[in-house]
PDB file of N, CA and C in Angstrom:
ATOM      1  N   MET A   1     172.170  13.321 164.831  1.00  0.00           N
ATOM      2  CA  MET A   1     171.496  14.705 165.123  1.00  0.00           C
ATOM      3  C   MET A   1     170.127  14.759 164.627  1.00  0.00           C
ATOM      4  N   MET A   2     169.296  15.066 165.401  1.00  0.00           N
ATOM      5  CA  MET A   2     167.794  14.864 165.102  1.00  0.00           C
ATOM      6  C   MET A   2     167.317  16.357 165.250  1.00  0.00           C
ATOM      7  N   ILE A   3     166.448  16.819 164.290  1.00  0.00           N
ATOM      8  CA  ILE A   3     165.964  18.086 164.146  1.00  0.00           C
ATOM      9  C   ILE A   3     164.378  17.978 164.339  1.00  0.00           C
ATOM     10  N   SER A   4     163.752  18.436 165.506  1.00  0.00           N
ATOM     11  CA  SER A   4     162.441  18.252 165.695  1.00  0.00           C
ATOM     12  C   SER A   4     161.460  19.184 164.889  1.00  0.00           C
ATOM     13  N   ASP A   5     161.835  20.305 164.677  1.00  0.00           N
ATOM     14  CA  ASP A   5     160.821  21.221 163.881  1.00  0.00           C
ATOM     15  C   ASP A   5     161.557  21.687 162.440  1.00  0.00           C
ATOM     16  N   LEU A   6     160.946  21.209 161.419  1.00  0.00           N
ATOM     17  CA  LEU A   6     161.516  21.448 160.028  1.00  0.00           C
ATOM     18  C   LEU A   6     160.614  22.479 159.509  1.00  0.00           C
ATOM     19  N   SER A   7     159.872  23.164 160.048  1.00  0.00           N
ATOM     20  CA  SER A   7     158.990  24.167 159.347  1.00  0.00           C
ATOM     21  C   SER A   7     159.738  25.153 158.556  1.00  0.00           C
ATOM     22  N   TYR A   8     161.091  25.566 158.960  1.00  0.00           N
ATOM     23  CA  TYR A   8     161.638  26.638 158.400  1.00  0.00           C
ATOM     24  C   TYR A   8     162.247  26.127 157.002  1.00  0.00           C
ATOM     25  N   PHE A   9     162.094  24.947 156.649  1.00  0.00           N
ATOM     26  CA  PHE A   9     162.532  24.376 155.486  1.00  0.00           C
ATOM     27  C   PHE A   9     161.583  24.310 154.248  1.00  0.00           C
ATOM     28  N   GLU A  10     160.394  24.868 154.609  1.00  0.00           N
ATOM     29  CA  GLU A  10     159.307  24.754 153.492  1.00  0.00           C
ATOM     30  C   GLU A  10     159.595  25.490 152.151  1.00  0.00           C
ATOM     31  N   LYS A  11     160.348  26.465 152.238  1.00  0.00           N
ATOM     32  CA  LYS A  11     160.591  27.301 150.992  1.00  0.00           C
ATOM     33  C   LYS A  11     161.980  27.102 150.294  1.00  0.00           C
ATOM     34  N   ILE A  12     162.593  26.024 150.658  1.00  0.00           N
ATOM     35  CA  ILE A  12     163.736  25.776 150.379  1.00  0.00           C
ATOM     36  C   ILE A  12     164.119  25.720 148.669  1.00  0.00           C
ATOM     37  N   SER A  13     162.967  25.298 148.049  1.00  0.00           N
ATOM     38  CA  SER A  13     163.069  25.104 146.626  1.00  0.00           C
ATOM     39  C   SER A  13     162.883  26.383 145.829  1.00  0.00           C
ATOM     40  N   GLU A  14     162.379  27.425 146.538  1.00  0.00           N
ATOM     41  CA  GLU A  14     162.161  28.580 145.660  1.00  0.00           C
ATOM     42  C   GLU A  14     163.267  29.193 145.237  1.00  0.00           C
ATOM     43  N   ASN A  15     163.370  29.998 144.239  1.00  0.00           N
ATOM     44  CA  ASN A  15     164.423  30.952 143.763  1.00  0.00           C
ATOM     45  C   ASN A  15     164.103  32.375 143.931  1.00  0.00           C
ATOM     46  N   GLU A  16     165.026  33.035 144.532  1.00  0.00           N
ATOM     47  CA  GLU A  16     164.797  34.370 145.094  1.00  0.00           C
ATOM     48  C   GLU A  16     166.087  35.270 144.634  1.00  0.00           C
ATOM     49  N   LEU A  17     166.007  36.301 143.939  1.00  0.00           N
ATOM     50  CA  LEU A  17     167.068  37.174 143.370  1.00  0.00           C
ATOM     51  C   LEU A  17     167.289  38.148 144.640  1.00  0.00           C
ATOM     52  N   ILE A  18     168.644  38.230 144.978  1.00  0.00           N
ATOM     53  CA  ILE A  18     169.027  39.171 146.066  1.00  0.00           C
ATOM     54  C   ILE A  18     169.884  40.057 145.451  1.00  0.00           C
ATOM     55  N   LEU A  19     169.704  41.485 145.534  1.00  0.00           N
ATOM     56  CA  LEU A  19     170.425  42.656 144.973  1.00  0.00           C
ATOM     57  C   LEU A  19     170.617  42.400 143.565  1.00  0.00           C
ATOM     58  N   ARG A  20     169.672  42.345 142.775  1.00  0.00           N
ATOM     59  CA  ARG A  20     169.815  42.214 141.307  1.00  0.00           C
ATOM     60  C   ARG A  20     170.793  40.999 140.763  1.00  0.00           C
ATOM     61  N   GLY A  21     170.687  40.025 141.227  1.00  0.00           N
ATOM     62  CA  GLY A  21     171.364  38.872 140.710  1.00  0.00           C
ATOM     63  C   GLY A  21     170.915  38.290 139.621  1.00  0.00           C
ATOM     64  N   ALA A  22     171.692  37.561 138.769  1.00  0.00           N
ATOM     65  CA  ALA A  22     171.403  37.017 137.491  1.00  0.00           C
ATOM     66  C   ALA A  22     171.955  35.537 137.528  1.00  0.00           C
ATOM     67  N   LEU A  23     171.244  34.570 136.920  1.00  0.00           N
ATOM     68  CA  LEU A  23     171.824  33.237 136.958  1.00  0.00           C
ATOM     69  C   LEU A  23     171.781  32.709 135.438  1.00  0.00           C
ATOM     70  N   LEU A  24     172.683  31.946 134.837  1.00  0.00           N
ATOM     71  CA  LEU A  24     172.769  31.256 133.751  1.00  0.00           C
ATOM     72  C   LEU A  24     173.447  29.965 133.925  1.00  0.00           C
ATOM     73  N   ALA A  25     172.681  28.896 133.643  1.00  0.00           N
ATOM     74  CA  ALA A  25     173.236  27.664 133.749  1.00  0.00           C
ATOM     75  C   ALA A  25     173.075  26.791 132.600  1.00  0.00           C
ATOM     76  N   VAL A  26     173.940  25.925 132.045  1.00  0.00           N
ATOM     77  CA  VAL A  26     173.828  25.076 130.926  1.00  0.00           C
ATOM     78  C   VAL A  26     174.262  23.759 131.207  1.00  0.00           C
ATOM     79  N   ASN A  27     173.435  22.633 130.975  1.00  0.00           N
ATOM     80  CA  ASN A  27     173.690  21.187 131.279  1.00  0.00           C
ATOM     81  C   ASN A  27     173.625  20.500 130.026  1.00  0.00           C
ATOM     82  N   ALA A  28     174.716  19.623 129.662  1.00  0.00           N
ATOM     83  CA  ALA A  28     174.500  18.882 128.467  1.00  0.00           C
ATOM     84  C   ALA A  28     174.540  17.436 128.800  1.00  0.00           C
ATOM     85  N   TYR A  29     173.886  16.585 128.276  1.00  0.00           N
ATOM     86  CA  TYR A  29     173.656  15.052 128.701  1.00  0.00           C
ATOM     87  C   TYR A  29     173.799  14.123 127.285  1.00  0.00           C
ATOM     88  N   ALA A  30     174.430  13.176 127.178  1.00  0.00           N
ATOM     89  CA  ALA A  30     174.436  12.324 125.950  1.00  0.00           C
ATOM     90  C   ALA A  30     174.609  10.906 126.438  1.00  0.00           C
ATOM     91  N   SER A  31     173.901   9.961 125.940  1.00  0.00           N
ATOM     92  CA  SER A  31     174.054   8.647 126.248  1.00  0.00           C
ATOM     93  C   SER A  31     173.753   7.777 124.993  1.00  0.00           C
ATOM     94  N   VAL A  32     174.313   6.448 124.990  1.00  0.00           N
ATOM     95  CA  VAL A  32     174.149   5.444 124.120  1.00  0.00           C
ATOM     96  C   VAL A  32     174.174   4.150 124.771  1.00  0.00           C
ATOM     97  N   ASP A  33     173.538   3.168 124.187  1.00  0.00           N
ATOM     98  CA  ASP A  33     173.894   1.682 124.820  1.00  0.00           C
ATOM     99  C   ASP A  33     175.190   1.072 124.382  1.00  0.00           C
ATOM    100  N   ALA A  34     175.505   1.341 123.159  1.00  0.00           N
ATOM    101  CA  ALA A  34     177.141   0.971 122.731  1.00  0.00           C
ATOM    102  C   ALA A  34     177.339   1.932 121.803  1.00  0.00           C
ATOM    103  N   GLY A  35     178.550   2.778 122.110  1.00  0.00           N
ATOM    104  CA  GLY A  35     179.058   3.677 121.197  1.00  0.00           C
ATOM    105  C   GLY A  35     179.865   4.712 121.957  1.00  0.00           C
ATOM    106  N   SER A  36     179.813   6.017 121.453  1.00  0.00           N
ATOM    107  CA  SER A  36     180.679   7.074 121.908  1.00  0.00           C
ATOM    108  C   SER A  36     179.664   8.410 122.264  1.00  0.00           C
ATOM    109  N   THR A  37     180.216   9.082 123.108  1.00  0.00           N
ATOM    110  CA  THR A  37     179.230  10.254 123.607  1.00  0.00           C
ATOM    111  C   THR A  37     180.365  11.498 123.741  1.00  0.00           C
ATOM    112  N   LEU A  38     179.748  12.570 123.746  1.00  0.00           N
ATOM    113  CA  LEU A  38     180.436  13.915 124.171  1.00  0.00           C
ATOM    114  C   LEU A  38     179.541  14.886 124.659  1.00  0.00           C
ATOM    115  N   ALA A  39     179.721  15.583 125.870  1.00  0.00           N
ATOM    116  CA  ALA A  39     178.987  16.627 126.428  1.00  0.00           C
ATOM    117  C   ALA A  39     179.821  17.624 126.846  1.00  0.00           C
ATOM    118  N   ILE A  40     179.608  18.878 126.360  1.00  0.00           N
ATOM    119  CA  ILE A  40     180.449  20.010 126.558  1.00  0.00           C
ATOM    120  C   ILE A  40     179.564  21.263 126.964  1.00  0.00           C
ATOM    121  N   THR A  41     180.010  21.998 128.099  1.00  0.00           N
ATOM    122  CA  THR A  41     179.109  23.186 128.376  1.00  0.00           C
ATOM    123  C   THR A  41     180.298  24.233 128.582  1.00  0.00           C
ATOM    124  N   ASN A  42     179.775  25.346 128.362  1.00  0.00           N
ATOM    125  CA  ASN A  42     180.807  26.689 128.746  1.00  0.00           C
ATOM    126  C   ASN A  42     179.950  27.929 129.269  1.00  0.00           C
ATOM    127  N   VAL A  43     179.955  28.670 130.123  1.00  0.00           N
ATOM    128  CA  VAL A  43     179.286  29.777 130.490  1.00  0.00           C
ATOM    129  C   VAL A  43     180.387  31.023 130.870  1.00  0.00           C
ATOM    130  N   GLU A  44     180.275  32.155 130.328  1.00  0.00           N
ATOM    131  CA  GLU A  44     181.073  33.276 130.748  1.00  0.00           C
ATOM    132  C   GLU A  44     180.199  34.321 131.222  1.00  0.00           C
ATOM    133  N   VAL A  45     180.484  34.969 132.300  1.00  0.00           N
ATOM    134  CA  VAL A  45     179.768  36.193 132.815  1.00  0.00           C
ATOM    135  C   VAL A  45     180.638  37.253 133.083  1.00  0.00           C
ATOM    136  N   ARG A  46     180.203  38.429 132.433  1.00  0.00           N
ATOM    137  CA  ARG A  46     181.159  39.697 132.314  1.00  0.00           C
ATOM    138  C   ARG A  46     180.412  40.886 132.755  1.00  0.00           C
ATOM    139  N   ASN A  47     180.946  41.691 133.785  1.00  0.00           N
ATOM    140  CA  ASN A  47     180.351  42.741 134.345  1.00  0.00           C
ATOM    141  C   ASN A  47     180.985  44.061 133.379  1.00  0.00           C
ATOM    142  N   LYS A  48     180.206  44.967 132.748  1.00  0.00           N
ATOM    143  CA  LYS A  48     180.707  46.217 132.182  1.00  0.00           C
ATOM    144  C   LYS A  48     179.933  47.069 132.705  1.00  0.00           C
ATOM    145  N   GLY A  49     180.549  47.795 133.613  1.00  0.00           N
ATOM    146  CA  GLY A  49     179.937  49.038 134.266  1.00  0.00           C
ATOM    147  C   GLY A  49     178.684  48.411 135.163  1.00  0.00           C
ATOM    148  N   LYS A  50     177.540  48.824 134.837  1.00  0.00           N
ATOM    149  CA  LYS A  50     176.293  48.315 135.545  1.00  0.00           C
ATOM    150  C   LYS A  50     175.612  47.326 134.636  1.00  0.00           C
ATOM    151  N   VAL A  51     176.235  46.874 133.538  1.00  0.00           N
ATOM    152  CA  VAL A  51     175.566  46.081 132.843  1.00  0.00           C
ATOM    153  C   VAL A  51     176.204  44.684 132.962  1.00  0.00           C
ATOM    154  N   THR A  52     175.535  43.597 133.160  1.00  0.00           N
ATOM    155  CA  THR A  52     175.985  42.178 133.256  1.00  0.00           C
ATOM    156  C   THR A  52     175.675  41.443 131.954  1.00  0.00           C
ATOM    157  N   LYS A  53     176.713  40.902 131.204  1.00  0.00           N
ATOM    158  CA  LYS A  53     176.349  40.030 130.115  1.00  0.00           C
ATOM    159  C   LYS A  53     176.932  38.774 130.256  1.00  0.00           C
ATOM    160  N   ALA A  54     176.317  37.653 129.653  1.00  0.00           N
ATOM    161  CA  ALA A  54     176.481  36.371 129.707  1.00  0.00           C
ATOM    162  C   ALA A  54     176.306  35.679 128.494  1.00  0.00           C
ATOM    163  N   THR A  55     177.206  34.695 128.270  1.00  0.00           N
ATOM    164  CA  THR A  55     177.194  33.974 126.981  1.00  0.00           C
ATOM    165  C   THR A  55     177.394  32.531 127.400  1.00  0.00           C
ATOM    166  N   GLY A  56     176.856  31.581 126.582  1.00  0.00           N
ATOM    167  CA  GLY A  56     176.896  30.065 127.071  1.00  0.00           C
ATOM    168  C   GLY A  56     176.606  29.362 125.822  1.00  0.00           C
ATOM    169  N   THR A  57     177.224  28.158 125.880  1.00  0.00           N
ATOM    170  CA  THR A  57     177.138  27.218 124.961  1.00  0.00           C
ATOM    171  C   THR A  57     177.090  25.827 125.584  1.00  0.00           C
ATOM    172  N   GLY A  58     176.196  24.944 124.658  1.00  0.00           N
ATOM    173  CA  GLY A  58     176.413  23.576 125.393  1.00  0.00           C
ATOM    174  C   GLY A  58     176.037  22.568 123.969  1.00  0.00           C
ATOM    175  N   THR A  59     177.042  21.495 123.903  1.00  0.00           N
ATOM    176  CA  THR A  59     176.874  20.662 122.838  1.00  0.00           C
ATOM    177  C   THR A  59     176.670  19.232 123.429  1.00  0.00           C
ATOM    178  N   ALA A  60     175.664  18.361 122.980  1.00  0.00           N
ATOM    179  CA  ALA A  60     175.723  17.050 123.064  1.00  0.00           C
ATOM    180  C   ALA A  60     175.688  16.276 122.096  1.00  0.00           C
ATOM    181  N   LEU A  61     176.461  15.224 121.757  1.00  0.00           N
ATOM    182  CA  LEU A  61     176.554  14.260 120.607  1.00  0.00           C
ATOM    183  C   LEU A  61     176.571  12.860 121.207  1.00  0.00           C
ATOM    184  N   ALA A  62     175.941  12.000 120.688  1.00  0.00           N
ATOM    185  CA  ALA A  62     175.728  10.676 120.953  1.00  0.00           C
ATOM    186  C   ALA A  62     175.771   9.868 119.637  1.00  0.00           C
ATOM    187  N   VAL A  63     176.637   8.721 119.511  1.00  0.00           N
ATOM    188  CA  VAL A  63     177.060   8.056 118.094  1.00  0.00           C
ATOM    189  C   VAL A  63     176.965   6.735 118.616  1.00  0.00           C
ATOM    190  N   GLY A  64     175.886   5.604 118.183  1.00  0.00           N
ATOM    191  CA  GLY A  64     175.766   4.470 118.516  1.00  0.00           C
ATOM    192  C   GLY A  64     174.531   4.029 118.636  1.00  0.00           C
ATOM    193  N   THR A  65     174.156   2.839 119.345  1.00  0.00           N
ATOM    194  CA  THR A  65     172.812   2.305 119.375  1.00  0.00           C
ATOM    195  C   THR A  65     171.998   3.150 120.441  1.00  0.00           C
ATOM    196  N   ASN A  66     170.618   3.403 120.234  1.00  0.00           N
ATOM    197  CA  ASN A  66     169.585   4.082 120.928  1.00  0.00           C
ATOM    198  C   ASN A  66     170.429   5.487 121.644  1.00  0.00           C
ATOM    199  N   PRO A  67     170.942   6.413 120.578  1.00  0.00           N
ATOM    200  CA  PRO A  67     171.324   7.601 121.101  1.00  0.00           C
ATOM    201  C   PRO A  67     170.426   8.552 121.751  1.00  0.00           C
ATOM    202  N   LEU A  68     170.914   9.384 122.674  1.00  0.00           N
ATOM    203  CA  LEU A  68     170.133  10.522 123.301  1.00  0.00           C
ATOM    204  C   LEU A  68     170.964  11.577 123.503  1.00  0.00           C
ATOM    205  N   ALA A  69     170.648  12.819 123.024  1.00  0.00           N
ATOM    206  CA  ALA A  69     171.465  13.861 123.280  1.00  0.00           C
ATOM    207  C   ALA A  69     170.610  15.158 123.675  1.00  0.00           C
ATOM    208  N   ASN A  70     170.932  15.856 124.781  1.00  0.00           N
ATOM    209  CA  ASN A  70     169.964  16.865 125.195  1.00  0.00           C
ATOM    210  C   ASN A  70     170.908  17.964 125.935  1.00  0.00           C
ATOM    211  N   VAL A  71     170.452  19.041 125.771  1.00  0.00           N
ATOM    212  CA  VAL A  71     171.116  20.441 126.426  1.00  0.00           C
ATOM    213  C   VAL A  71     169.883  21.131 126.945  1.00  0.00           C
ATOM    214  N   ASP A  72     169.961  21.279 128.381  1.00  0.00           N
ATOM    215  CA  ASP A  72     169.280  22.297 129.071  1.00  0.00           C
ATOM    216  C   ASP A  72     169.785  23.575 129.384  1.00  0.00           C
ATOM    217  N   VAL A  73     169.175  24.650 129.434  1.00  0.00           N
ATOM    218  CA  VAL A  73     169.283  26.012 129.786  1.00  0.00           C
ATOM    219  C   VAL A  73     168.464  26.534 130.759  1.00  0.00           C
ATOM    220  N   TYR A  74     169.057  27.134 131.931  1.00  0.00           N
ATOM    221  CA  TYR A  74     168.270  27.693 132.942  1.00  0.00           C
ATOM    222  C   TYR A  74     168.849  29.156 133.029  1.00  0.00           C
ATOM    223  N   TYR A  75     167.931  30.244 133.058  1.00  0.00           N
ATOM    224  CA  TYR A  75     168.481  31.666 133.397  1.00  0.00           C
ATOM    225  C   TYR A  75     167.274  32.232 134.376  1.00  0.00           C
ATOM    226  N   LEU A  76     167.649  33.124 134.921  1.00  0.00           N
ATOM    227  CA  LEU A  76     166.939  33.941 135.831  1.00  0.00           C
ATOM    228  C   LEU A  76     167.446  35.243 136.137  1.00  0.00           C
ATOM    229  N   GLY A  77     166.613  36.348 136.086  1.00  0.00           N
ATOM    230  CA  GLY A  77     167.137  37.716 136.490  1.00  0.00           C
ATOM    231  C   GLY A  77     167.697  38.543 135.267  1.00  0.00           C
ATOM    232  N   PHE A  78     167.715  37.958 134.111  1.00  0.00           N
ATOM    233  CA  PHE A  78     168.303  38.770 132.759  1.00  0.00           C
ATOM    234  C   PHE A  78     167.055  39.545 132.228  1.00  0.00           C
ATOM    235  N   ASP A  79     167.318  40.541 131.817  1.00  0.00           N
ATOM    236  CA  ASP A  79     166.312  41.602 130.848  1.00  0.00           C
ATOM    237  C   ASP A  79     165.976  41.097 129.532  1.00  0.00           C
ATOM    238  N   LYS A  80     167.195  40.732 128.893  1.00  0.00           N
ATOM    239  CA  LYS A  80     167.244  40.125 127.501  1.00  0.00           C
ATOM    240  C   LYS A  80     168.023  38.880 127.352  1.00  0.00           C
ATOM    241  N   VAL A  81     167.297  37.918 126.641  1.00  0.00           N
ATOM    242  CA  VAL A  81     167.989  36.447 126.536  1.00  0.00           C
ATOM    243  C   VAL A  81     167.647  36.175 125.027  1.00  0.00           C
ATOM    244  N   LYS A  82     168.601  35.615 124.372  1.00  0.00           N
ATOM    245  CA  LYS A  82     168.535  35.170 123.019  1.00  0.00           C
ATOM    246  C   LYS A  82     169.058  33.528 123.210  1.00  0.00           C
ATOM    247  N   VAL A  83     168.222  32.576 122.897  1.00  0.00           N
ATOM    248  CA  VAL A  83     168.614  31.207 122.611  1.00  0.00           C
ATOM    249  C   VAL A  83     168.619  30.465 121.355  1.00  0.00           C
ATOM    250  N   LYS A  84     169.510  30.033 120.632  1.00  0.00           N
ATOM    251  CA  LYS A  84     169.510  29.523 119.461  1.00  0.00           C
ATOM    252  C   LYS A  84     169.734  27.936 119.759  1.00  0.00           C
ATOM    253  N   VAL A  85     168.967  27.018 119.128  1.00  0.00           N
ATOM    254  CA  VAL A  85     169.083  25.786 119.209  1.00  0.00           C
ATOM    255  C   VAL A  85     169.009  25.005 117.912  1.00  0.00           C
ATOM    256  N   SER A  86     170.059  24.174 117.752  1.00  0.00           N
ATOM    257  CA  SER A  86     170.260  23.393 116.597  1.00  0.00           C
ATOM    258  C   SER A  86     170.279  21.733 117.093  1.00  0.00           C
ATOM    259  N   SER A  87     169.523  20.890 116.390  1.00  0.00           N
ATOM    260  CA  SER A  87     169.430  19.466 116.889  1.00  0.00           C
ATOM    261  C   SER A  87     169.230  18.780 115.424  1.00  0.00           C
ATOM    262  N   GLY A  88     169.572  17.399 115.855  1.00  0.00           N
ATOM    263  CA  GLY A  88     169.292  16.441 114.836  1.00  0.00           C
ATOM    264  C   GLY A  88     169.490  15.021 115.368  1.00  0.00           C
ATOM    265  N   GLN A  89     168.673  14.169 114.623  1.00  0.00           N
ATOM    266  CA  GLN A  89     168.676  12.565 115.148  1.00  0.00           C
ATOM    267  C   GLN A  89     168.519  11.732 114.057  1.00  0.00           C
ATOM    268  N   GLY A  90     169.194  10.552 114.047  1.00  0.00           N
ATOM    269  CA  GLY A  90     169.145   9.587 112.958  1.00  0.00           C
ATOM    270  C   GLY A  90     169.154   8.261 113.717  1.00  0.00           C
ATOM    271  N   GLU A  91     169.179   7.254 113.012  1.00  0.00           N
ATOM    272  CA  GLU A  91     169.189   5.882 113.559  1.00  0.00           C
ATOM    273  C   GLU A  91     170.336   5.725 114.519  1.00  0.00           C
ATOM    274  N   ASP A  92     171.273   6.117 114.181  1.00  0.00           N
ATOM    275  CA  ASP A  92     172.670   5.869 115.143  1.00  0.00           C
ATOM    276  C   ASP A  92     173.358   7.095 115.636  1.00  0.00           C
ATOM    277  N   TYR A  93     172.669   8.120 115.681  1.00  0.00           N
ATOM    278  CA  TYR A  93     173.232   9.379 116.050  1.00  0.00           C
ATOM    279  C   TYR A  93     172.149  10.354 116.576  1.00  0.00           C
ATOM    280  N   ALA A  94     172.638  11.278 117.425  1.00  0.00           N
ATOM    281  CA  ALA A  94     171.720  12.372 117.816  1.00  0.00           C
ATOM    282  C   ALA A  94     172.723  13.460 118.534  1.00  0.00           C
ATOM    283  N   PHE A  95     172.357  14.795 118.165  1.00  0.00           N
ATOM    284  CA  PHE A  95     173.140  15.821 118.539  1.00  0.00           C
ATOM    285  C   PHE A  95     172.192  17.096 118.954  1.00  0.00           C
ATOM    286  N   GLU A  96     172.598  17.893 119.867  1.00  0.00           N
ATOM    287  CA  GLU A  96     172.036  19.211 120.198  1.00  0.00           C
ATOM    288  C   GLU A  96     173.092  20.058 120.576  1.00  0.00           C
ATOM    289  N   THR A  97     172.894  21.288 119.868  1.00  0.00           N
ATOM    290  CA  THR A  97     173.699  22.538 120.305  1.00  0.00           C
ATOM    291  C   THR A  97     172.971  23.625 120.612  1.00  0.00           C
ATOM    292  N   VAL A  98     173.332  24.456 121.762  1.00  0.00           N
ATOM    293  CA  VAL A  98     172.615  25.597 122.137  1.00  0.00           C
ATOM    294  C   VAL A  98     173.528  26.808 122.407  1.00  0.00           C
ATOM    295  N   LYS A  99     173.163  27.915 121.904  1.00  0.00           N
ATOM    296  CA  LYS A  99     174.044  28.962 122.123  1.00  0.00           C
ATOM    297  C   LYS A  99     173.198  30.114 122.925  1.00  0.00           C
ATOM    298  N   ILE A 100     173.569  30.646 123.976  1.00  0.00           N
ATOM    299  CA  ILE A 100     172.931  31.548 124.643  1.00  0.00           C
ATOM    300  C   ILE A 100     173.628  33.004 124.875  1.00  0.00           C
ATOM    301  N   LYS A 101     172.864  34.100 124.701  1.00  0.00           N
ATOM    302  CA  LYS A 101     173.480  35.469 124.993  1.00  0.00           C
ATOM    303  C   LYS A 101     172.386  36.046 125.847  1.00  0.00           C
ATOM    304  N   ALA A 102     172.922  36.591 126.937  1.00  0.00           N
ATOM    305  CA  ALA A 102     171.930  37.296 128.003  1.00  0.00           C
ATOM    306  C   ALA A 102     172.472  38.490 128.434  1.00  0.00           C
ATOM    307  N   MET A 103     171.724  39.540 128.863  1.00  0.00           N
ATOM    308  CA  MET A 103     172.135  40.800 129.151  1.00  0.00           C
ATOM    309  C   MET A 103     171.177  41.426 130.341  1.00  0.00           C
ATOM    310  N   ASP A 104     171.706  41.755 131.464  1.00  0.00           N
ATOM    311  CA  ASP A 104     171.043  42.309 132.540  1.00  0.00           C
ATOM    312  C   ASP A 104     171.354  43.719 132.758  1.00  0.00           C
ATOM    313  N   LEU A 105     170.389  44.675 132.332  1.00  0.00           N
ATOM    314  CA  LEU A 105     170.416  46.121 132.410  1.00  0.00           C
ATOM    315  C   LEU A 105     170.029  46.600 133.704  1.00  0.00           C
ATOM    316  N   PRO A 106     170.666  47.770 134.045  1.00  0.00           N
ATOM    317  CA  PRO A 106     170.405  48.542 135.259  1.00  0.00           C
ATOM    318  C   PRO A 106     169.040  49.247 135.202  1.00  0.00           C
ATOM    319  N   ASN A 107     168.038  49.031 136.177  1.00  0.00           N
ATOM    320  CA  ASN A 107     166.783  49.656 136.242  1.00  0.00           C
ATOM    321  C   ASN A 107     166.736  50.805 136.888  1.00  0.00           C
TER     322      ASN A 107
END
């Protein structure tokens, strides 16, 4: 299949909220050359009346040679967001933990 006119794809990478939507995403990544890794994420979204509340956690742990641990947080459309980050790195380990609380209020 060949499409000759691709001009309608120009804005495909934009984010747009529709009807008061909200987004919370957490990605965790851990790597080592030789050793062990752990990457865990969790996101929960709850609607309480007209208020949307979301919580999220992410943990990345790498133990071994050349450790790398990273947690990324993406949010959009929330009125209040709190992010708490803990991290550490040594010669043979790296870790990062992120906790997120977000609230979307009716306007």
